[in-house]
Amino acid sequence: MKRQSDPAEICFGLDRQTDEQSLAHFIRRFASPALLEALIPRLSDAEITETLDFLSKMMGKHLKEKEYHTLFLAGKG
């Protein structure tokens, strides 16, 4: 079982490796069901669209089609 990331493990600006690890911890915490349940109903329609557009663009830019299908579409959450 994965342990929950500790907010103290999130630190940006030191070096690339720490930034990458911190971003992973940040996103894991952001994606927690409790946070999403509280946050999503408070988003405006525009914020929902902007978030979806940003994430889709990021995946389209950095993932090959096969990776997208394997890692995102067929991935287990």
PDB file of N, CA and C in Angstrom:
ATOM      1  N   MET A   1       0.842  -1.182   0.000  1.00  0.00           N
ATOM      2  CA  MET A   1       0.000   0.000   0.000  1.00  0.00           C
ATOM      3  C   MET A   1       0.886   1.244   0.000  1.00  0.00           C
ATOM      4  N   LYS A   2       0.544   2.230  -0.837  1.00  0.00           N
ATOM      5  CA  LYS A   2       1.303   3.473  -0.893  1.00  0.00           C
ATOM      6  C   LYS A   2       0.995   4.310   0.334  1.00  0.00           C
ATOM      7  N   ARG A   3       2.026   4.901   0.886  1.00  0.00           N
ATOM      8  CA  ARG A   3       1.803   5.816   2.001  1.00  0.00           C
ATOM      9  C   ARG A   3       1.448   7.185   1.446  1.00  0.00           C
ATOM     10  N   GLN A   4       0.674   7.936   2.213  1.00  0.00           N
ATOM     11  CA  GLN A   4       0.333   9.301   1.817  1.00  0.00           C
ATOM     12  C   GLN A   4       1.595  10.151   1.883  1.00  0.00           C
ATOM     13  N   SER A   5       1.780  11.001   0.898  1.00  0.00           N
ATOM     14  CA  SER A   5       2.957  11.863   0.919  1.00  0.00           C
ATOM     15  C   SER A   5       2.794  12.925   2.004  1.00  0.00           C
ATOM     16  N   ASP A   6       3.897  13.275   2.605  1.00  0.00           N
ATOM     17  CA  ASP A   6       3.943  14.260   3.680  1.00  0.00           C
ATOM     18  C   ASP A   6       4.110  15.652   3.068  1.00  0.00           C
ATOM     19  N   PRO A   7       3.285  16.633   3.462  1.00  0.00           N
ATOM     20  CA  PRO A   7       3.444  17.976   2.901  1.00  0.00           C
ATOM     21  C   PRO A   7       4.842  18.544   3.132  1.00  0.00           C
ATOM     22  N   ALA A   8       5.527  18.080   4.170  1.00  0.00           N
ATOM     23  CA  ALA A   8       6.884  18.565   4.427  1.00  0.00           C
ATOM     24  C   ALA A   8       7.862  18.105   3.350  1.00  0.00           C
ATOM     25  N   GLU A   9       7.457  17.117   2.542  1.00  0.00           N
ATOM     26  CA  GLU A   9       8.308  16.625   1.456  1.00  0.00           C
ATOM     27  C   GLU A   9       8.193  17.499   0.209  1.00  0.00           C
ATOM     28  N   ILE A  10       7.341  18.507   0.253  1.00  0.00           N
ATOM     29  CA  ILE A  10       7.120  19.379  -0.892  1.00  0.00           C
ATOM     30  C   ILE A  10       7.964  20.639  -0.735  1.00  0.00           C
ATOM     31  N   CYS A  11       8.933  20.788  -1.617  1.00  0.00           N
ATOM     32  CA  CYS A  11       9.841  21.931  -1.564  1.00  0.00           C
ATOM     33  C   CYS A  11      10.315  22.222  -2.987  1.00  0.00           C
ATOM     34  N   PHE A  12      10.033  23.401  -3.478  1.00  0.00           N
ATOM     35  CA  PHE A  12      10.409  23.764  -4.842  1.00  0.00           C
ATOM     36  C   PHE A  12      11.556  24.764  -4.844  1.00  0.00           C
ATOM     37  N   GLY A  13      12.361  24.724  -5.913  1.00  0.00           N
ATOM     38  CA  GLY A  13      13.385  25.716  -6.138  1.00  0.00           C
ATOM     39  C   GLY A  13      14.794  25.325  -5.744  1.00  0.00           C
ATOM     40  N   LEU A  14      14.975  24.139  -5.184  1.00  0.00           N
ATOM     41  CA  LEU A  14      16.323  23.722  -4.796  1.00  0.00           C
ATOM     42  C   LEU A  14      17.096  23.167  -5.979  1.00  0.00           C
ATOM     43  N   ASP A  15      16.501  22.196  -6.663  1.00  0.00           N
ATOM     44  CA  ASP A  15      17.119  21.585  -7.838  1.00  0.00           C
ATOM     45  C   ASP A  15      16.037  20.827  -8.597  1.00  0.00           C
ATOM     46  N   ARG A  16      16.350  20.403  -9.797  1.00  0.00           N
ATOM     47  CA  ARG A  16      15.361  19.756 -10.659  1.00  0.00           C
ATOM     48  C   ARG A  16      14.802  18.475 -10.030  1.00  0.00           C
ATOM     49  N   GLN A  17      15.675  17.639  -9.468  1.00  0.00           N
ATOM     50  CA  GLN A  17      15.225  16.372  -8.880  1.00  0.00           C
ATOM     51  C   GLN A  17      14.237  16.622  -7.734  1.00  0.00           C
ATOM     52  N   THR A  18      14.564  17.571  -6.865  1.00  0.00           N
ATOM     53  CA  THR A  18      13.661  17.894  -5.752  1.00  0.00           C
ATOM     54  C   THR A  18      12.353  18.474  -6.274  1.00  0.00           C
ATOM     55  N   ASP A  19      12.421  19.320  -7.308  1.00  0.00           N
ATOM     56  CA  ASP A  19      11.207  19.875  -7.907  1.00  0.00           C
ATOM     57  C   ASP A  19      10.322  18.760  -8.469  1.00  0.00           C
ATOM     58  N   GLU A  20      10.914  17.794  -9.163  1.00  0.00           N
ATOM     59  CA  GLU A  20      10.136  16.687  -9.727  1.00  0.00           C
ATOM     60  C   GLU A  20       9.483  15.860  -8.627  1.00  0.00           C
ATOM     61  N   GLN A  21      10.235  15.534  -7.585  1.00  0.00           N
ATOM     62  CA  GLN A  21       9.689  14.756  -6.466  1.00  0.00           C
ATOM     63  C   GLN A  21       8.595  15.541  -5.744  1.00  0.00           C
ATOM     64  N   SER A  22       8.830  16.830  -5.556  1.00  0.00           N
ATOM     65  CA  SER A  22       7.849  17.674  -4.886  1.00  0.00           C
ATOM     66  C   SER A  22       6.570  17.794  -5.706  1.00  0.00           C
ATOM     67  N   LEU A  23       6.713  17.924  -7.017  1.00  0.00           N
ATOM     68  CA  LEU A  23       5.532  18.001  -7.872  1.00  0.00           C
ATOM     69  C   LEU A  23       4.719  16.714  -7.782  1.00  0.00           C
ATOM     70  N   ALA A  24       5.391  15.570  -7.774  1.00  0.00           N
ATOM     71  CA  ALA A  24       4.690  14.291  -7.633  1.00  0.00           C
ATOM     72  C   ALA A  24       3.937  14.229  -6.301  1.00  0.00           C
ATOM     73  N   HIS A  25       4.577  14.641  -5.212  1.00  0.00           N
ATOM     74  CA  HIS A  25       3.911  14.660  -3.902  1.00  0.00           C
ATOM     75  C   HIS A  25       2.726  15.619  -3.913  1.00  0.00           C
ATOM     76  N   PHE A  26       2.915  16.804  -4.496  1.00  0.00           N
ATOM     77  CA  PHE A  26       1.854  17.819  -4.560  1.00  0.00           C
ATOM     78  C   PHE A  26       0.641  17.279  -5.311  1.00  0.00           C
ATOM     79  N   ILE A  27       0.891  16.666  -6.476  1.00  0.00           N
ATOM     80  CA  ILE A  27      -0.220  16.158  -7.294  1.00  0.00           C
ATOM     81  C   ILE A  27      -0.935  15.015  -6.584  1.00  0.00           C
ATOM     82  N   ARG A  28      -0.189  14.132  -5.919  1.00  0.00           N
ATOM     83  CA  ARG A  28      -0.835  13.041  -5.161  1.00  0.00           C
ATOM     84  C   ARG A  28      -1.757  13.605  -4.082  1.00  0.00           C
ATOM     85  N   ARG A  29      -1.286  14.615  -3.368  1.00  0.00           N
ATOM     86  CA  ARG A  29      -2.114  15.220  -2.318  1.00  0.00           C
ATOM     87  C   ARG A  29      -3.311  15.939  -2.940  1.00  0.00           C
ATOM     88  N   PHE A  30      -3.081  16.641  -4.046  1.00  0.00           N
ATOM     89  CA  PHE A  30      -4.153  17.369  -4.722  1.00  0.00           C
ATOM     90  C   PHE A  30      -5.251  16.410  -5.184  1.00  0.00           C
ATOM     91  N   ALA A  31      -4.849  15.218  -5.618  1.00  0.00           N
ATOM     92  CA  ALA A  31      -5.797  14.257  -6.178  1.00  0.00           C
ATOM     93  C   ALA A  31      -6.500  13.407  -5.117  1.00  0.00           C
ATOM     94  N   SER A  32      -6.321  13.727  -3.858  1.00  0.00           N
ATOM     95  CA  SER A  32      -6.992  12.944  -2.824  1.00  0.00           C
ATOM     96  C   SER A  32      -8.506  13.093  -2.982  1.00  0.00           C
ATOM     97  N   PRO A  33      -9.235  12.007  -2.822  1.00  0.00           N
ATOM     98  CA  PRO A  33     -10.689  12.073  -2.992  1.00  0.00           C
ATOM     99  C   PRO A  33     -11.367  13.134  -2.124  1.00  0.00           C
ATOM    100  N   ALA A  34     -10.940  13.281  -0.881  1.00  0.00           N
ATOM    101  CA  ALA A  34     -11.573  14.263   0.010  1.00  0.00           C
ATOM    102  C   ALA A  34     -11.379  15.688  -0.501  1.00  0.00           C
ATOM    103  N   LEU A  35     -10.162  16.007  -0.948  1.00  0.00           N
ATOM    104  CA  LEU A  35      -9.904  17.355  -1.471  1.00  0.00           C
ATOM    105  C   LEU A  35     -10.704  17.599  -2.743  1.00  0.00           C
ATOM    106  N   LEU A  36     -10.697  16.638  -3.655  1.00  0.00           N
ATOM    107  CA  LEU A  36     -11.433  16.813  -4.906  1.00  0.00           C
ATOM    108  C   LEU A  36     -12.931  16.956  -4.652  1.00  0.00           C
ATOM    109  N   GLU A  37     -13.452  16.191  -3.704  1.00  0.00           N
ATOM    110  CA  GLU A  37     -14.876  16.266  -3.374  1.00  0.00           C
ATOM    111  C   GLU A  37     -15.245  17.654  -2.850  1.00  0.00           C
ATOM    112  N   ALA A  38     -14.340  18.263  -2.094  1.00  0.00           N
ATOM    113  CA  ALA A  38     -14.595  19.606  -1.570  1.00  0.00           C
ATOM    114  C   ALA A  38     -14.376  20.693  -2.622  1.00  0.00           C
ATOM    115  N   LEU A  39     -13.351  20.520  -3.445  1.00  0.00           N
ATOM    116  CA  LEU A  39     -12.943  21.578  -4.372  1.00  0.00           C
ATOM    117  C   LEU A  39     -13.775  21.645  -5.648  1.00  0.00           C
ATOM    118  N   ILE A  40     -13.995  20.526  -6.287  1.00  0.00           N
ATOM    119  CA  ILE A  40     -14.615  20.522  -7.617  1.00  0.00           C
ATOM    120  C   ILE A  40     -15.982  21.214  -7.656  1.00  0.00           C
ATOM    121  N   PRO A  41     -16.872  20.984  -6.694  1.00  0.00           N
ATOM    122  CA  PRO A  41     -18.162  21.698  -6.765  1.00  0.00           C
ATOM    123  C   PRO A  41     -18.035  23.214  -6.666  1.00  0.00           C
ATOM    124  N   ARG A  42     -16.906  23.705  -6.174  1.00  0.00           N
ATOM    125  CA  ARG A  42     -16.704  25.140  -6.008  1.00  0.00           C
ATOM    126  C   ARG A  42     -16.089  25.795  -7.241  1.00  0.00           C
ATOM    127  N   LEU A  43     -15.644  24.996  -8.190  1.00  0.00           N
ATOM    128  CA  LEU A  43     -15.034  25.536  -9.398  1.00  0.00           C
ATOM    129  C   LEU A  43     -16.099  26.101 -10.333  1.00  0.00           C
ATOM    130  N   SER A  44     -15.745  27.172 -11.002  1.00  0.00           N
ATOM    131  CA  SER A  44     -16.643  27.712 -12.021  1.00  0.00           C
ATOM    132  C   SER A  44     -16.565  26.829 -13.268  1.00  0.00           C
ATOM    133  N   ASP A  45     -17.520  26.994 -14.148  1.00  0.00           N
ATOM    134  CA  ASP A  45     -17.478  26.256 -15.413  1.00  0.00           C
ATOM    135  C   ASP A  45     -16.186  26.558 -16.159  1.00  0.00           C
ATOM    136  N   ALA A  46     -15.769  27.832 -16.141  1.00  0.00           N
ATOM    137  CA  ALA A  46     -14.539  28.228 -16.829  1.00  0.00           C
ATOM    138  C   ALA A  46     -13.318  27.555 -16.201  1.00  0.00           C
ATOM    139  N   GLU A  47     -13.285  27.464 -14.873  1.00  0.00           N
ATOM    140  CA  GLU A  47     -12.150  26.819 -14.202  1.00  0.00           C
ATOM    141  C   GLU A  47     -12.086  25.327 -14.530  1.00  0.00           C
ATOM    142  N   ILE A  48     -13.230  24.687 -14.619  1.00  0.00           N
ATOM    143  CA  ILE A  48     -13.256  23.272 -15.010  1.00  0.00           C
ATOM    144  C   ILE A  48     -12.684  23.119 -16.416  1.00  0.00           C
ATOM    145  N   THR A  49     -13.150  23.955 -17.341  1.00  0.00           N
ATOM    146  CA  THR A  49     -12.673  23.901 -18.721  1.00  0.00           C
ATOM    147  C   THR A  49     -11.184  24.213 -18.805  1.00  0.00           C
ATOM    148  N   GLU A  50     -10.727  25.232 -18.097  1.00  0.00           N
ATOM    149  CA  GLU A  50      -9.304  25.607 -18.104  1.00  0.00           C
ATOM    150  C   GLU A  50      -8.428  24.471 -17.572  1.00  0.00           C
ATOM    151  N   THR A  51      -8.874  23.820 -16.507  1.00  0.00           N
ATOM    152  CA  THR A  51      -8.106  22.717 -15.911  1.00  0.00           C
ATOM    153  C   THR A  51      -8.029  21.546 -16.875  1.00  0.00           C
ATOM    154  N   LEU A  52      -9.156  21.195 -17.447  1.00  0.00           N
ATOM    155  CA  LEU A  52      -9.186  20.099 -18.421  1.00  0.00           C
ATOM    156  C   LEU A  52      -8.307  20.417 -19.623  1.00  0.00           C
ATOM    157  N   ASP A  53      -8.401  21.637 -20.145  1.00  0.00           N
ATOM    158  CA  ASP A  53      -7.578  22.045 -21.293  1.00  0.00           C
ATOM    159  C   ASP A  53      -6.094  21.978 -20.961  1.00  0.00           C
ATOM    160  N   PHE A  54      -5.707  22.492 -19.775  1.00  0.00           N
ATOM    161  CA  PHE A  54      -4.300  22.488 -19.370  1.00  0.00           C
ATOM    162  C   PHE A  54      -3.753  21.071 -19.267  1.00  0.00           C
ATOM    163  N   LEU A  55      -4.476  20.198 -18.573  1.00  0.00           N
ATOM    164  CA  LEU A  55      -3.993  18.831 -18.378  1.00  0.00           C
ATOM    165  C   LEU A  55      -3.967  18.053 -19.694  1.00  0.00           C
ATOM    166  N   SER A  56      -4.973  18.235 -20.516  1.00  0.00           N
ATOM    167  CA  SER A  56      -5.005  17.545 -21.816  1.00  0.00           C
ATOM    168  C   SER A  56      -3.865  18.013 -22.711  1.00  0.00           C
ATOM    169  N   LYS A  57      -3.619  19.322 -22.721  1.00  0.00           N
ATOM    170  CA  LYS A  57      -2.524  19.868 -23.523  1.00  0.00           C
ATOM    171  C   LYS A  57      -1.186  19.330 -23.039  1.00  0.00           C
ATOM    172  N   MET A  58      -0.999  19.259 -21.729  1.00  0.00           N
ATOM    173  CA  MET A  58       0.253  18.761 -21.156  1.00  0.00           C
ATOM    174  C   MET A  58       0.485  17.300 -21.562  1.00  0.00           C
ATOM    175  N   MET A  59      -0.543  16.484 -21.467  1.00  0.00           N
ATOM    176  CA  MET A  59      -0.391  15.079 -21.869  1.00  0.00           C
ATOM    177  C   MET A  59      -0.134  14.965 -23.362  1.00  0.00           C
ATOM    178  N   GLY A  60      -0.861  15.752 -24.157  1.00  0.00           N
ATOM    179  CA  GLY A  60      -0.662  15.717 -25.604  1.00  0.00           C
ATOM    180  C   GLY A  60       0.738  16.137 -26.021  1.00  0.00           C
ATOM    181  N   LYS A  61       1.308  17.068 -25.289  1.00  0.00           N
ATOM    182  CA  LYS A  61       2.646  17.578 -25.605  1.00  0.00           C
ATOM    183  C   LYS A  61       3.743  16.595 -25.200  1.00  0.00           C
ATOM    184  N   HIS A  62       3.560  15.888 -24.106  1.00  0.00           N
ATOM    185  CA  HIS A  62       4.654  15.106 -23.535  1.00  0.00           C
ATOM    186  C   HIS A  62       4.494  13.591 -23.619  1.00  0.00           C
ATOM    187  N   LEU A  63       3.329  13.111 -24.035  1.00  0.00           N
ATOM    188  CA  LEU A  63       3.125  11.667 -24.141  1.00  0.00           C
ATOM    189  C   LEU A  63       2.876  11.262 -25.588  1.00  0.00           C
ATOM    190  N   LYS A  64       3.459  10.160 -25.968  1.00  0.00           N
ATOM    191  CA  LYS A  64       3.122   9.568 -27.263  1.00  0.00           C
ATOM    192  C   LYS A  64       1.733   8.955 -27.138  1.00  0.00           C
ATOM    193  N   GLU A  65       1.082   8.747 -28.273  1.00  0.00           N
ATOM    194  CA  GLU A  65      -0.288   8.239 -28.242  1.00  0.00           C
ATOM    195  C   GLU A  65      -0.391   6.928 -27.474  1.00  0.00           C
ATOM    196  N   LYS A  66       0.553   6.021 -27.697  1.00  0.00           N
ATOM    197  CA  LYS A  66       0.519   4.729 -26.996  1.00  0.00           C
ATOM    198  C   LYS A  66       0.669   4.930 -25.485  1.00  0.00           C
ATOM    199  N   GLU A  67       1.561   5.837 -25.077  1.00  0.00           N
ATOM    200  CA  GLU A  67       1.726   6.125 -23.650  1.00  0.00           C
ATOM    201  C   GLU A  67       0.434   6.681 -23.057  1.00  0.00           C
ATOM    202  N   TYR A  68      -0.208   7.582 -23.787  1.00  0.00           N
ATOM    203  CA  TYR A  68      -1.465   8.167 -23.334  1.00  0.00           C
ATOM    204  C   TYR A  68      -2.497   7.069 -23.092  1.00  0.00           C
ATOM    205  N   HIS A  69      -2.626   6.160 -24.043  1.00  0.00           N
ATOM    206  CA  HIS A  69      -3.601   5.078 -23.911  1.00  0.00           C
ATOM    207  C   HIS A  69      -3.246   4.133 -22.774  1.00  0.00           C
ATOM    208  N   THR A  70      -1.962   3.808 -22.654  1.00  0.00           N
ATOM    209  CA  THR A  70      -1.518   2.868 -21.630  1.00  0.00           C
ATOM    210  C   THR A  70      -1.551   3.492 -20.238  1.00  0.00           C
ATOM    211  N   LEU A  71      -1.003   4.698 -20.118  1.00  0.00           N
ATOM    212  CA  LEU A  71      -0.823   5.304 -18.807  1.00  0.00           C
ATOM    213  C   LEU A  71      -2.050   6.050 -18.287  1.00  0.00           C
ATOM    214  N   PHE A  72      -2.814   6.644 -19.192  1.00  0.00           N
ATOM    215  CA  PHE A  72      -3.954   7.436 -18.742  1.00  0.00           C
ATOM    216  C   PHE A  72      -5.280   6.719 -18.936  1.00  0.00           C
ATOM    217  N   LEU A  73      -5.556   6.314 -20.142  1.00  0.00           N
ATOM    218  CA  LEU A  73      -6.854   5.713 -20.423  1.00  0.00           C
ATOM    219  C   LEU A  73      -7.042   4.354 -19.759  1.00  0.00           C
ATOM    220  N   ALA A  74      -6.003   3.539 -19.749  1.00  0.00           N
ATOM    221  CA  ALA A  74      -6.120   2.209 -19.159  1.00  0.00           C
ATOM    222  C   ALA A  74      -5.544   2.149 -17.742  1.00  0.00           C
ATOM    223  N   GLY A  75      -5.011   3.281 -17.280  1.00  0.00           N
ATOM    224  CA  GLY A  75      -4.382   3.299 -15.958  1.00  0.00           C
ATOM    225  C   GLY A  75      -5.378   3.091 -14.842  1.00  0.00           C
ATOM    226  N   LYS A  76      -4.909   2.531 -13.793  1.00  0.00           N
ATOM    227  CA  LYS A  76      -5.729   2.349 -12.606  1.00  0.00           C
ATOM    228  C   LYS A  76      -5.437   3.480 -11.645  1.00  0.00           C
ATOM    229  N   GLY A  77      -6.462   4.134 -11.134  1.00  0.00           N
ATOM    230  CA  GLY A  77      -6.295   5.279 -10.254  1.00  0.00           C
ATOM    231  C   GLY A  77      -6.050   4.928  -8.818  1.00  0.00           C
TER     232      GLY A  77
END
